[in-house]
Structure formats: C-alpha cells, structure tokens
Amino acid sequence: MHYQVHPVSPELQFFVKCFWTLEEEATAEPVKQRVVPDGCMEMIFHCGELYRQYFTDGTSLLQPRSFIFGQISNYIEIAPTGVSNILAARFLPEGLAPFLQIPVTELENKAVGLELLFGPGGKELEEKVIAAVHTGERIGLIETFLLSQLTAPAAIDMITRECVDIILRSQGQLDMTTLAGKANINRRNMERRFVSAIGMSPKQLSRVVRLQTTIKMLDQQQFSSLTSLAYENGYYDQAHFIRDFKEFAGISPKSFFSGNLKLAALFASAE
C-alpha cells in the first residue's frame, strides 16, 4: 500500500486540510478495513476499481466513482474490489460547508455522488479527474472546481473555526464550558453553530479528536500501558478509554490494532 499526502494551494488552505492518494495492487482476498471518525469530510475519487462499503445489517454496496463522504458517527468498513487508486481532498472540520447548497447534516454517514451534489459540473469534474494521468493535474482540476464553487468565502463561521482550533490544540481534552469561555461564546450558540458548519456537536468533535490522538500514539507505541495512555489523553481510567474506543470503533483497541489499523493509522497521521 502506497499512501501519500499532498499539499493544498494557498487559496484553499482555509478550507482543505490536505489531498491524499492511496495506491495498492489487487489481492486475491481483499481485507475489510475499518475507518473510524476523524471529524473531517472528504471528496473522494476512485480512479482505480471501486470500493465496497459494508453495513452492520449485513448488506453492502459499491461506492460511487466520485463522491463526498459526510461526517461518520461511528466506524465504517470498506474493502477494495480490485486495484486501488484513490485521490481525495480532506476538508477541515468546518471547511466543506461553504461549497455546498445543502446542510452538511444531510451527508452524515453517506457517500453522496458528486453529480447529485453539483449537477453536470460534478459529473464533468469526475470525468476529467479520472482521465487525467498525473496526480498534480488531478489536484489542479479539483482545486479549480472548488474555487469555482466558492461563491461566498465569508461563509466560513470564524467563531466556529476558533473553537475548532482550540479543540485541536487541546487534543479534545477541554470540557464544553471551558471551550465556550475561551471562545467567548454562549455554549448553546456554539453548539448550534457546530451542527450547522461541521455536522456534529463540539463535544462529539472533541471526543473524535481525542480518539485520533490516541490512535496515533498507539500506532507509534508512545505509551507504557493502556492505563497511562488513557490518563494522558484525558480519559478517567482505562475502562473509560476502552468503552469510548468501542463506541467509535465497534471493537476493543486490542482487536482493532490486530487487523484494522492500516487505513486508520494512515489517516490519523496525516497532517
């Protein structure tokens, strides 16, 4: 598996965290990968074979060729159907909303095709990106399209952005009253703004950021025990950490890292 992070042009750094590519040869028995929430929504292009997404009720479906995936409230499972060649734009938590004509909450736990979201322009972008040969050319096409959709750059909620920055700096370890105080905003107003701009509450985002910080430390073995890891990341104790982890990942940390780390660790380490 070859995973690479690519920079964003200055014009879009206010909205897009990074671009990333993933390439992998087909295998005889594709392995399901479990992806956990990270607070970011993404625009994804399958330039190779499509991925199949699995649901907890036992059903599955093929993801679209190009789509935006909204906030995920817990884990999703996906697996390649052949050669993987993915290009994606990972938006900042509050960065996608200014490009959409619908509330971000309507995208929760969904992969919505670009044509459905953007009409013929979305379909044209998909065709151009798939036809392009080089990653740089593909990224340029996506950036040009995004800038054309950004009719109101001022639509970014600066108060929400400040709150997100505080959450990220604290690694999700602040309580909501303290967060609201630091941003000088009423807590209820803050929560309404978060749902509108991000598709999740500030408490949910804080929990996700804390989880991702913990996953990164686990992957890099920056801990002496699960108990010390739990305390360092603001959990009450090891049991609290395991319970929170299971809520998002569906399984214990030990089970998760025995076979589902590949994509989760890559995403957690992306800058």
Protein backbone atom coordinates (compact mmCIF):
# COMPACT_ATOMS: atom_id res chain seq x y z
CA MET A 1 0.00 0.00 0.00
CA HIS A 2 1.34 3.42 -1.00
CA TYR A 3 -0.25 6.34 0.83
CA GLN A 4 0.89 9.90 0.25
CA VAL A 5 -0.26 13.30 1.49
CA HIS A 6 -0.18 16.26 -0.92
CA PRO A 7 -0.25 20.00 -0.09
CA VAL A 8 -3.08 22.39 -0.81
CA SER A 9 -2.78 25.66 -2.74
CA PRO A 10 -2.81 28.82 -0.59
CA GLU A 11 -6.25 29.79 -1.95
CA LEU A 12 -7.82 26.69 -0.41
CA GLN A 13 -5.79 26.19 2.78
CA PHE A 14 -8.57 27.91 4.69
CA PHE A 15 -10.91 25.05 3.76
CA VAL A 16 -8.96 21.92 2.78
CA LYS A 17 -6.58 20.17 5.16
CA CYS A 18 -4.76 18.14 2.52
CA PHE A 19 -5.06 15.92 -0.52
CA TRP A 20 -4.14 12.28 -0.23
CA THR A 21 -3.60 9.39 -2.61
CA LEU A 22 -3.73 5.67 -1.98
CA GLU A 23 -2.47 3.05 -4.41
CA GLU A 24 -2.45 -0.71 -3.91
CA GLU A 25 -2.41 -3.76 -6.13
CA ALA A 26 -5.36 -6.13 -6.15
CA THR A 27 -5.27 -9.12 -3.81
CA ALA A 28 -6.95 -12.49 -4.10
CA GLU A 29 -8.80 -11.98 -0.82
CA PRO A 30 -9.43 -8.28 -0.12
CA VAL A 31 -9.37 -7.41 3.57
CA LYS A 32 -12.06 -5.21 5.09
CA GLN A 33 -10.65 -2.05 6.61
CA ARG A 34 -12.36 -0.30 9.49
CA VAL A 35 -12.30 3.51 9.28
CA VAL A 36 -13.20 5.47 12.41
CA PRO A 37 -14.38 9.09 12.67
CA ASP A 38 -11.78 11.84 12.38
CA GLY A 39 -14.03 14.92 12.22
CA CYS A 40 -13.21 15.65 8.57
CA MET A 41 -15.41 15.24 5.49
CA GLU A 42 -13.86 14.22 2.19
CA MET A 43 -14.27 14.46 -1.58
CA ILE A 44 -13.13 11.09 -2.95
CA PHE A 45 -12.34 9.83 -6.45
CA HIS A 46 -11.90 6.14 -7.25
CA CYS A 47 -9.51 6.33 -10.19
CA GLY A 48 -9.00 2.55 -9.97
CA GLU A 49 -11.57 -0.07 -9.04
CA LEU A 50 -14.45 0.87 -6.78
CA TYR A 51 -14.60 0.06 -3.08
CA ARG A 52 -17.39 -1.88 -1.45
CA GLN A 53 -18.88 -0.49 1.75
CA TYR A 54 -20.34 -2.86 4.35
CA PHE A 55 -23.14 -2.13 6.82
CA THR A 56 -23.86 -3.55 10.25
CA ASP A 57 -27.06 -5.23 8.99
CA GLY A 58 -25.00 -7.46 6.69
CA THR A 59 -25.72 -5.56 3.47
CA SER A 60 -23.19 -3.80 1.26
CA LEU A 61 -22.95 -1.54 -1.78
CA LEU A 62 -20.37 -0.23 -4.20
CA GLN A 63 -19.30 3.31 -3.52
CA PRO A 64 -19.79 5.82 -6.38
CA ARG A 65 -16.91 6.65 -8.69
CA SER A 66 -16.71 10.11 -7.11
CA PHE A 67 -18.48 11.35 -4.00
CA ILE A 68 -18.38 13.35 -0.82
CA PHE A 69 -18.49 11.39 2.42
CA GLY A 70 -20.06 13.32 5.28
CA GLN A 71 -19.31 13.03 8.97
CA ILE A 72 -19.35 9.46 10.26
CA SER A 73 -20.79 8.91 13.71
CA ASN A 74 -19.02 5.59 14.24
CA TYR A 75 -16.92 3.23 12.14
CA ILE A 76 -17.43 2.19 8.53
CA GLU A 77 -16.00 -0.90 6.83
CA ILE A 78 -14.74 -0.86 3.26
CA ALA A 79 -12.79 -3.19 1.00
CA PRO A 80 -11.30 -2.84 -2.50
CA THR A 81 -12.76 -4.79 -5.42
CA GLY A 82 -9.52 -4.67 -7.39
CA VAL A 83 -6.64 -2.25 -7.92
CA SER A 84 -6.85 0.74 -5.57
CA ASN A 85 -6.10 4.20 -6.94
CA ILE A 86 -7.78 6.81 -4.77
CA LEU A 87 -7.44 10.58 -4.72
CA ALA A 88 -9.21 12.55 -2.01
CA ALA A 89 -9.50 16.07 -0.64
CA ARG A 90 -9.76 16.05 3.15
CA PHE A 91 -11.60 19.16 4.32
CA LEU A 92 -11.02 20.87 7.62
CA PRO A 93 -13.88 20.09 10.02
CA GLU A 94 -15.65 23.35 9.14
CA GLY A 95 -14.24 23.64 5.60
CA LEU A 96 -16.80 21.84 3.43
CA ALA A 97 -19.98 23.76 4.23
CA PRO A 98 -19.17 26.87 2.11
CA PHE A 99 -19.05 24.70 -1.05
CA LEU A 100 -22.45 23.07 -0.58
CA GLN A 101 -26.01 24.14 -1.27
CA ILE A 102 -27.40 21.66 1.27
CA PRO A 103 -26.82 21.32 5.03
CA VAL A 104 -23.80 19.17 5.90
CA THR A 105 -26.05 17.20 8.27
CA GLU A 106 -27.73 15.65 5.20
CA LEU A 107 -24.43 13.92 4.36
CA GLU A 108 -23.99 12.15 7.70
CA ASN A 109 -22.78 8.56 7.24
CA LYS A 110 -23.35 8.81 3.48
CA ALA A 111 -21.30 8.68 0.30
CA VAL A 112 -23.16 11.11 -1.98
CA GLY A 113 -22.16 11.25 -5.65
CA LEU A 114 -20.72 14.50 -7.00
CA GLU A 115 -23.30 14.61 -9.78
CA LEU A 116 -26.10 14.54 -7.21
CA LEU A 117 -24.46 17.37 -5.24
CA PHE A 118 -23.18 19.58 -8.05
CA GLY A 119 -25.15 18.53 -11.14
CA PRO A 120 -23.44 18.33 -14.56
CA GLY A 121 -20.41 20.18 -13.17
CA GLY A 122 -19.81 17.37 -10.68
CA LYS A 123 -20.02 14.74 -13.43
CA GLU A 124 -17.65 16.73 -15.64
CA LEU A 125 -15.14 17.01 -12.80
CA GLU A 126 -15.29 13.25 -12.24
CA GLU A 127 -14.63 12.53 -15.92
CA LYS A 128 -11.71 14.97 -16.09
CA VAL A 129 -10.08 13.66 -12.90
CA ILE A 130 -10.39 10.02 -13.98
CA ALA A 131 -8.99 10.83 -17.44
CA ALA A 132 -6.01 12.77 -16.09
CA VAL A 133 -2.72 10.90 -15.82
CA HIS A 134 -0.75 12.69 -13.13
CA THR A 135 -1.69 13.40 -9.52
CA GLY A 136 -0.71 17.06 -9.82
CA GLU A 137 -3.04 17.51 -12.77
CA ARG A 138 -5.88 15.83 -10.90
CA ILE A 139 -5.40 18.00 -7.84
CA GLY A 140 -5.34 21.09 -10.05
CA LEU A 141 -8.69 20.11 -11.58
CA ILE A 142 -10.25 19.62 -8.15
CA GLU A 143 -8.88 22.90 -6.81
CA THR A 144 -10.17 24.83 -9.85
CA PHE A 145 -13.60 23.28 -9.39
CA LEU A 146 -13.71 24.03 -5.67
CA LEU A 147 -12.71 27.65 -6.21
CA SER A 148 -15.49 27.99 -8.80
CA GLN A 149 -17.99 26.74 -6.20
CA LEU A 150 -16.78 29.10 -3.51
CA THR A 151 -19.17 31.95 -4.21
CA ALA A 152 -19.08 33.28 -0.65
CA PRO A 153 -15.70 32.80 1.09
CA ALA A 154 -17.05 34.77 4.04
CA ALA A 155 -19.47 31.89 4.69
CA ILE A 156 -16.85 30.31 6.97
CA ASP A 157 -18.01 30.75 10.56
CA MET A 158 -14.97 32.31 12.21
CA ILE A 159 -16.22 31.70 15.74
CA THR A 160 -16.66 28.01 14.96
CA ARG A 161 -13.20 27.96 13.38
CA GLU A 162 -11.71 29.41 16.55
CA CYS A 163 -13.47 26.76 18.63
CA VAL A 164 -12.18 24.00 16.32
CA ASP A 165 -8.63 25.35 16.64
CA ILE A 166 -8.94 25.31 20.43
CA ILE A 167 -10.22 21.72 20.35
CA LEU A 168 -7.33 20.63 18.13
CA ARG A 169 -4.71 22.38 20.28
CA SER A 170 -6.12 20.80 23.44
CA GLN A 171 -6.33 17.40 21.68
CA GLY A 172 -10.00 17.21 22.60
CA GLN A 173 -9.44 17.40 26.35
CA LEU A 174 -11.41 20.55 27.21
CA ASP A 175 -14.90 20.45 28.70
CA MET A 176 -17.54 22.39 26.75
CA THR A 177 -18.00 25.14 29.32
CA THR A 178 -14.28 25.91 29.23
CA LEU A 179 -14.27 25.78 25.43
CA ALA A 180 -17.17 28.25 25.20
CA GLY A 181 -15.44 30.55 27.70
CA LYS A 182 -12.17 30.56 25.74
CA ALA A 183 -14.06 31.45 22.55
CA ASN A 184 -16.22 33.99 24.40
CA ILE A 185 -19.46 32.46 23.11
CA ASN A 186 -22.65 31.15 24.68
CA ARG A 187 -22.49 27.36 24.90
CA ARG A 188 -25.88 26.78 23.26
CA ASN A 189 -25.00 29.17 20.43
CA MET A 190 -21.68 27.35 19.98
CA GLU A 191 -23.44 24.00 19.68
CA ARG A 192 -25.87 25.32 17.04
CA ARG A 193 -23.01 26.74 15.01
CA PHE A 194 -21.10 23.46 15.14
CA VAL A 195 -24.00 21.38 13.89
CA SER A 196 -24.56 23.81 11.02
CA ALA A 197 -20.91 24.14 9.97
CA ILE A 198 -19.48 20.73 10.85
CA GLY A 199 -22.36 18.29 11.18
CA MET A 200 -21.50 17.30 14.74
CA SER A 201 -21.54 18.92 18.15
CA PRO A 202 -18.40 20.38 19.78
CA LYS A 203 -18.47 17.54 22.31
CA GLN A 204 -18.59 14.94 19.54
CA LEU A 205 -15.70 16.61 17.71
CA SER A 206 -13.68 16.76 20.93
CA ARG A 207 -14.21 13.05 21.53
CA VAL A 208 -13.19 12.26 17.94
CA VAL A 209 -10.05 14.41 18.16
CA ARG A 210 -9.10 12.69 21.43
CA LEU A 211 -9.67 9.29 19.82
CA GLN A 212 -7.49 10.16 16.82
CA THR A 213 -4.72 11.44 19.09
CA THR A 214 -4.86 8.16 21.00
CA ILE A 215 -4.81 6.06 17.81
CA LYS A 216 -1.71 7.90 16.64
CA MET A 217 0.04 7.28 19.96
CA LEU A 218 -0.96 3.62 19.86
CA ASP A 219 0.35 3.24 16.33
CA GLN A 220 3.65 4.89 17.24
CA GLN A 221 3.84 2.96 20.54
CA GLN A 222 4.15 6.17 22.55
CA PHE A 223 2.83 4.70 25.80
CA SER A 224 3.89 2.36 28.58
CA SER A 225 0.45 0.90 29.34
CA LEU A 226 -3.18 1.36 28.34
CA THR A 227 -3.80 2.96 31.72
CA SER A 228 -1.08 5.59 31.22
CA LEU A 229 -2.32 6.17 27.67
CA ALA A 230 -5.85 6.70 28.95
CA TYR A 231 -4.79 9.25 31.58
CA GLU A 232 -2.55 11.13 29.17
CA ASN A 233 -5.44 11.58 26.75
CA GLY A 234 -7.92 12.78 29.33
CA TYR A 235 -9.89 9.61 29.98
CA TYR A 236 -10.94 8.90 33.56
CA ASP A 237 -9.30 5.47 33.50
CA GLN A 238 -8.56 2.52 31.24
CA ALA A 239 -12.17 1.32 31.34
CA HIS A 240 -13.40 4.73 30.16
CA PHE A 241 -10.91 4.68 27.30
CA ILE A 242 -11.89 1.17 26.17
CA ARG A 243 -15.60 1.99 26.41
CA ASP A 244 -15.14 5.16 24.32
CA PHE A 245 -12.99 3.31 21.80
CA LYS A 246 -15.57 0.56 21.38
CA GLU A 247 -18.32 3.13 20.82
CA PHE A 248 -16.48 4.60 17.83
CA ALA A 249 -14.63 1.56 16.50
CA GLY A 250 -17.07 -1.20 17.39
CA ILE A 251 -14.32 -3.36 18.89
CA SER A 252 -11.66 -3.14 21.61
CA PRO A 253 -8.30 -1.42 20.98
CA LYS A 254 -6.54 -4.79 21.03
CA SER A 255 -8.84 -6.27 18.38
CA PHE A 256 -8.71 -3.11 16.30
CA PHE A 257 -4.95 -2.97 16.15
CA SER A 258 -4.61 -6.65 15.40
CA GLY A 259 -6.03 -6.26 11.90
CA ASN A 260 -7.77 -2.98 11.19
CA LEU A 261 -5.03 -0.43 11.65
CA LYS A 262 -3.86 0.06 8.09
CA LEU A 263 -6.17 2.86 6.97
CA ALA A 264 -6.98 4.21 10.42
CA ALA A 265 -3.34 4.80 11.29
CA LEU A 266 -2.62 6.43 7.95
CA PHE A 267 -5.46 8.88 8.36
CA ALA A 268 -4.56 9.63 11.98
CA SER A 269 -1.01 10.50 10.99
CA ALA A 270 -1.96 12.78 8.07
CA GLU A 271 -1.06 16.42 8.52
